[in-house]
Amino acid sequence: MKTSQIMLLSAVALATLSISGIAGADEINKQGYMTDSRGDIVRSGTGLCWHTSDWTPAMAIEGCDPVTKKPAPVIADSAPKSAPKSAPVIAAPAPVVQAKNVFVPYTMQSEAFFAYNSTELSEHGKQKMNDEIIAKMQESPRDEIVVVTGYTDQIGSEDYNMKLSQRRADAVKTYMVDQGIDGDRIETVAKGEADPIVSCDNIKGKANHKNKALITCLQPNRRIVIDLSGEKVVRK
């Protein structure tokens, strides 16, 4: 046999062994490649591996196709992480509530504050005003309105009684202002003989200043009514 033939056969045998070695090394990764009866990957004359119709780049093996190396798996840290610190809770300020301050209308008998047929407030009446009216108004400086209403009995003419009730209501307002109450908060109303509380129809005699029994009976009608109403700020 010629030397050239011997060399050719040796080269073929060598290539065959080399191919078989590659195929054997990747036996478990041959999916997607054509194999022969021995399980070796079939190659072309230029050494290329034959693919099956199912081949995808993910099936590539070294020696046949470029292999993309998979990134190393990330191992999760099993150590517990401390919870983020929450922001401190700041208590909201207490709301300011508008609360309505309601007063029951206060009625003063005129005889306790004024002498009969007089418009001058007595010392006793001033003290009662200080204790029962002025103090309440000073505690509630935001009361929007104070109404002072004057009444008389039916003794005397209607016109005279209307003016008398007005003068008495004005006298009460004047005293309130002297005690520091804002005059703009005070309104005066004259009602004269209107809205009597008692009638005294059973008292005999003329209706005049000489009928002492009638004057005494009609005392509840001679009155001053003070209404306080409004709002003040209170904090709950």
Protein backbone atom coordinates (compact mmCIF):
# COMPACT_ATOMS: atom_id res chain seq x y z
CA MET A 1 0.00 0.00 0.00
CA LYS A 2 1.27 3.41 -0.87
CA THR A 3 2.39 5.76 1.80
CA SER A 4 -0.13 8.43 0.76
CA GLN A 5 -3.03 6.01 1.13
CA ILE A 6 -1.82 4.94 4.57
CA MET A 7 -1.65 8.56 5.67
CA LEU A 8 -5.20 9.28 4.38
CA LEU A 9 -6.66 6.29 6.20
CA SER A 10 -4.88 7.31 9.38
CA ALA A 11 -6.33 10.79 9.13
CA VAL A 12 -9.84 9.46 8.58
CA ALA A 13 -9.55 7.13 11.53
CA LEU A 14 -8.27 9.92 13.66
CA ALA A 15 -11.16 12.18 12.71
CA THR A 16 -13.61 9.39 13.41
CA LEU A 17 -12.18 8.82 16.87
CA SER A 18 -12.25 12.54 17.56
CA ILE A 19 -15.89 12.82 16.52
CA SER A 20 -16.84 9.79 18.56
CA GLY A 21 -15.15 11.28 21.59
CA ILE A 22 -17.10 14.51 21.25
CA ALA A 23 -20.34 12.68 20.76
CA GLY A 24 -19.73 10.44 23.74
CA ALA A 25 -18.92 13.31 25.98
CA ASP A 26 -22.29 14.94 25.24
CA GLU A 27 -24.46 11.86 25.17
CA ILE A 28 -26.98 13.22 27.60
CA ASN A 29 -27.29 16.49 25.62
CA LYS A 30 -28.09 15.20 22.15
CA GLN A 31 -31.71 16.26 22.06
CA GLY A 32 -32.29 18.28 18.92
CA TYR A 33 -29.45 16.59 17.02
CA MET A 34 -29.55 13.71 14.49
CA THR A 35 -27.73 10.58 15.71
CA ASP A 36 -26.71 7.36 13.95
CA SER A 37 -27.36 3.78 15.01
CA ARG A 38 -24.58 4.02 17.55
CA GLY A 39 -26.04 7.14 19.10
CA ASP A 40 -23.37 9.40 17.68
CA ILE A 41 -24.28 12.83 16.31
CA VAL A 42 -24.36 12.84 12.53
CA ARG A 43 -22.09 15.44 11.00
CA SER A 44 -21.65 16.87 7.57
CA GLY A 45 -18.51 16.44 5.51
CA THR A 46 -17.25 19.72 6.90
CA GLY A 47 -17.80 18.56 10.50
CA LEU A 48 -21.07 20.41 11.18
CA CYS A 49 -23.66 18.70 13.42
CA TRP A 50 -27.03 17.95 11.87
CA HIS A 51 -30.04 19.44 13.67
CA THR A 52 -33.49 17.86 13.91
CA SER A 53 -36.59 19.93 13.22
CA ASP A 54 -37.09 20.30 17.03
CA TRP A 55 -33.70 21.93 17.64
CA THR A 56 -33.62 25.26 19.47
CA PRO A 57 -30.62 27.35 20.61
CA ALA A 58 -31.31 26.18 24.15
CA MET A 59 -30.32 22.63 23.04
CA ALA A 60 -26.85 23.69 21.79
CA ILE A 61 -23.91 21.57 22.98
CA GLU A 62 -20.23 22.32 22.91
CA GLY A 63 -18.45 21.01 19.82
CA CYS A 64 -21.54 21.53 17.65
CA ASP A 65 -22.92 25.00 18.33
CA PRO A 66 -22.06 28.07 20.40
CA VAL A 67 -23.28 27.51 23.95
CA THR A 68 -24.70 30.39 25.99
CA LYS A 69 -23.66 30.00 29.60
CA LYS A 70 -26.47 30.27 32.08
CA PRO A 71 -26.04 32.83 34.86
CA ALA A 72 -25.32 31.49 38.30
CA PRO A 73 -28.48 31.09 40.34
CA VAL A 74 -29.12 33.77 42.93
CA ILE A 75 -29.45 32.27 46.37
CA ALA A 76 -31.97 34.14 48.45
CA ASP A 77 -30.80 35.35 51.80
CA SER A 78 -32.76 33.34 54.34
CA ALA A 79 -31.77 35.59 57.22
CA PRO A 80 -34.75 37.64 58.40
CA LYS A 81 -34.50 41.30 57.62
CA SER A 82 -35.42 43.84 60.20
CA ALA A 83 -38.68 45.62 59.46
CA PRO A 84 -38.31 49.27 58.43
CA LYS A 85 -38.83 51.65 61.27
CA SER A 86 -42.19 53.36 61.08
CA ALA A 87 -42.43 57.10 61.45
CA PRO A 88 -43.51 58.26 64.90
CA VAL A 89 -47.23 58.88 65.19
CA ILE A 90 -47.96 62.51 66.05
CA ALA A 91 -51.29 63.04 67.72
CA ALA A 92 -53.52 65.52 65.91
CA PRO A 93 -54.44 68.62 67.91
CA ALA A 94 -57.85 68.62 69.47
CA PRO A 95 -60.33 70.30 67.12
CA VAL A 96 -61.89 73.61 68.01
CA VAL A 97 -65.63 73.09 68.06
CA GLN A 98 -68.19 75.81 67.71
CA ALA A 99 -70.65 75.01 70.46
CA LYS A 100 -73.88 76.89 70.89
CA ASN A 101 -74.28 78.33 74.35
CA VAL A 102 -78.00 78.48 75.11
CA PHE A 103 -79.43 80.59 77.92
CA VAL A 104 -82.91 80.36 79.39
CA PRO A 105 -84.60 83.78 79.18
CA TYR A 106 -84.24 85.51 82.52
CA THR A 107 -87.21 87.42 83.92
CA MET A 108 -86.79 90.18 86.51
CA GLN A 109 -89.76 91.55 88.37
CA SER A 110 -89.71 95.31 87.97
CA GLU A 111 -90.79 95.90 91.57
CA ALA A 112 -87.55 94.28 92.76
CA PHE A 113 -85.48 96.63 90.58
CA PHE A 114 -87.58 99.75 90.24
CA ALA A 115 -89.83 101.58 92.62
CA TYR A 116 -93.42 101.85 91.49
CA ASN A 117 -93.67 104.16 88.46
CA SER A 118 -89.87 104.74 88.56
CA THR A 119 -87.11 104.18 86.01
CA GLU A 120 -84.15 104.27 88.43
CA LEU A 121 -82.52 100.87 88.99
CA SER A 122 -82.32 100.11 92.70
CA GLU A 123 -79.15 99.00 94.51
CA HIS A 124 -80.77 95.65 95.11
CA GLY A 125 -81.53 95.42 91.41
CA LYS A 126 -77.94 96.25 90.48
CA GLN A 127 -76.62 93.47 92.73
CA LYS A 128 -79.03 90.97 91.20
CA MET A 129 -77.90 92.07 87.75
CA ASN A 130 -74.25 91.59 88.72
CA ASP A 131 -74.79 88.09 90.09
CA GLU A 132 -77.27 86.68 87.62
CA ILE A 133 -76.81 88.58 84.35
CA ILE A 134 -73.50 90.45 84.07
CA ALA A 135 -71.41 87.47 85.22
CA LYS A 136 -72.95 85.19 82.60
CA MET A 137 -72.41 87.71 79.84
CA GLN A 138 -68.76 88.20 80.79
CA GLU A 139 -68.21 84.42 80.71
CA SER A 140 -69.59 84.34 77.16
CA PRO A 141 -68.06 87.35 75.39
CA ARG A 142 -69.10 86.08 71.95
CA ASP A 143 -72.83 86.15 72.58
CA GLU A 144 -74.07 87.98 69.53
CA ILE A 145 -77.14 89.68 70.94
CA VAL A 146 -78.80 90.50 74.23
CA VAL A 147 -82.43 91.61 74.14
CA VAL A 148 -83.88 93.57 77.05
CA THR A 149 -87.67 93.79 76.91
CA GLY A 150 -89.69 96.03 79.23
CA TYR A 151 -93.32 95.48 80.30
CA THR A 152 -95.82 97.38 82.45
CA ASP A 153 -99.25 96.71 83.89
CA GLN A 154 -102.44 98.25 82.52
CA ILE A 155 -102.68 101.05 85.10
CA GLY A 156 -102.33 104.33 83.25
CA SER A 157 -102.64 105.15 79.55
CA GLU A 158 -101.31 102.83 76.89
CA ASP A 159 -98.97 105.49 75.50
CA TYR A 160 -97.56 106.28 78.93
CA ASN A 161 -96.99 102.60 79.72
CA MET A 162 -95.20 102.05 76.39
CA LYS A 163 -92.79 104.89 77.16
CA LEU A 164 -92.32 103.70 80.76
CA SER A 165 -91.41 100.18 79.62
CA GLN A 166 -88.91 101.64 77.14
CA ARG A 167 -87.27 103.84 79.79
CA ARG A 168 -86.88 100.88 82.14
CA ALA A 169 -85.35 98.70 79.41
CA ASP A 170 -82.95 101.53 78.57
CA ALA A 171 -82.00 101.86 82.25
CA VAL A 172 -81.02 98.18 82.32
CA LYS A 173 -78.95 98.57 79.15
CA THR A 174 -77.17 101.61 80.56
CA TYR A 175 -76.16 99.67 83.66
CA MET A 176 -74.87 96.75 81.56
CA VAL A 177 -72.71 99.10 79.50
CA ASP A 178 -71.36 100.69 82.70
CA GLN A 179 -70.25 97.19 83.75
CA GLY A 180 -68.23 96.69 80.56
CA ILE A 181 -70.77 94.98 78.30
CA ASP A 182 -70.56 96.17 74.69
CA GLY A 183 -73.61 98.33 73.98
CA ASP A 184 -73.73 97.06 70.38
CA ARG A 185 -74.67 93.65 71.76
CA ILE A 186 -77.72 94.96 73.60
CA GLU A 187 -81.12 95.69 72.08
CA THR A 188 -84.05 97.15 73.99
CA VAL A 189 -87.70 96.51 73.25
CA ALA A 190 -90.78 98.19 74.77
CA LYS A 191 -93.95 96.11 75.10
CA GLY A 192 -95.96 98.29 77.49
CA GLU A 193 -99.12 96.47 78.62
CA ALA A 194 -98.71 93.60 76.15
CA ASP A 195 -98.64 89.92 77.11
CA PRO A 196 -99.91 90.19 80.71
CA ILE A 197 -99.12 87.29 83.01
CA VAL A 198 -102.08 87.94 85.34
CA SER A 199 -105.40 89.73 84.76
CA CYS A 200 -106.57 90.45 88.35
CA ASP A 201 -110.18 90.80 87.14
CA ASN A 202 -111.40 89.81 90.62
CA ILE A 203 -109.92 92.96 92.22
CA LYS A 204 -112.57 95.62 92.75
CA GLY A 205 -111.97 99.35 92.37
CA LYS A 206 -110.59 101.66 89.68
CA ALA A 207 -107.35 100.84 87.94
CA ASN A 208 -105.16 103.65 89.30
CA HIS A 209 -102.21 104.25 91.62
CA LYS A 210 -104.57 104.44 94.59
CA ASN A 211 -105.78 100.85 94.22
CA LYS A 212 -103.13 99.15 96.33
CA ALA A 213 -104.69 95.70 96.03
CA LEU A 214 -104.69 95.93 92.22
CA ILE A 215 -101.10 97.24 92.13
CA THR A 216 -99.97 94.28 94.24
CA CYS A 217 -101.89 91.77 92.13
CA LEU A 218 -100.53 93.16 88.87
CA GLN A 219 -96.91 93.00 89.99
CA PRO A 220 -95.98 89.96 87.76
CA ASN A 221 -96.92 92.01 84.67
CA ARG A 222 -94.39 94.73 85.56
CA ARG A 223 -91.24 92.94 84.47
CA ILE A 224 -88.01 93.05 82.50
CA VAL A 225 -87.12 90.03 80.35
CA ILE A 226 -83.49 89.54 79.29
CA ASP A 227 -82.71 87.04 76.52
CA LEU A 228 -79.10 85.99 76.02
CA SER A 229 -78.20 83.85 73.05
CA GLY A 230 -75.23 83.20 70.76
CA GLU A 231 -72.13 81.06 70.44
CA LYS A 232 -68.74 80.79 72.08
CA VAL A 233 -65.66 78.70 71.31
CA VAL A 234 -65.14 75.69 73.55
CA ARG A 235 -62.35 73.08 73.31
CA LYS A 236 -63.32 69.45 73.88
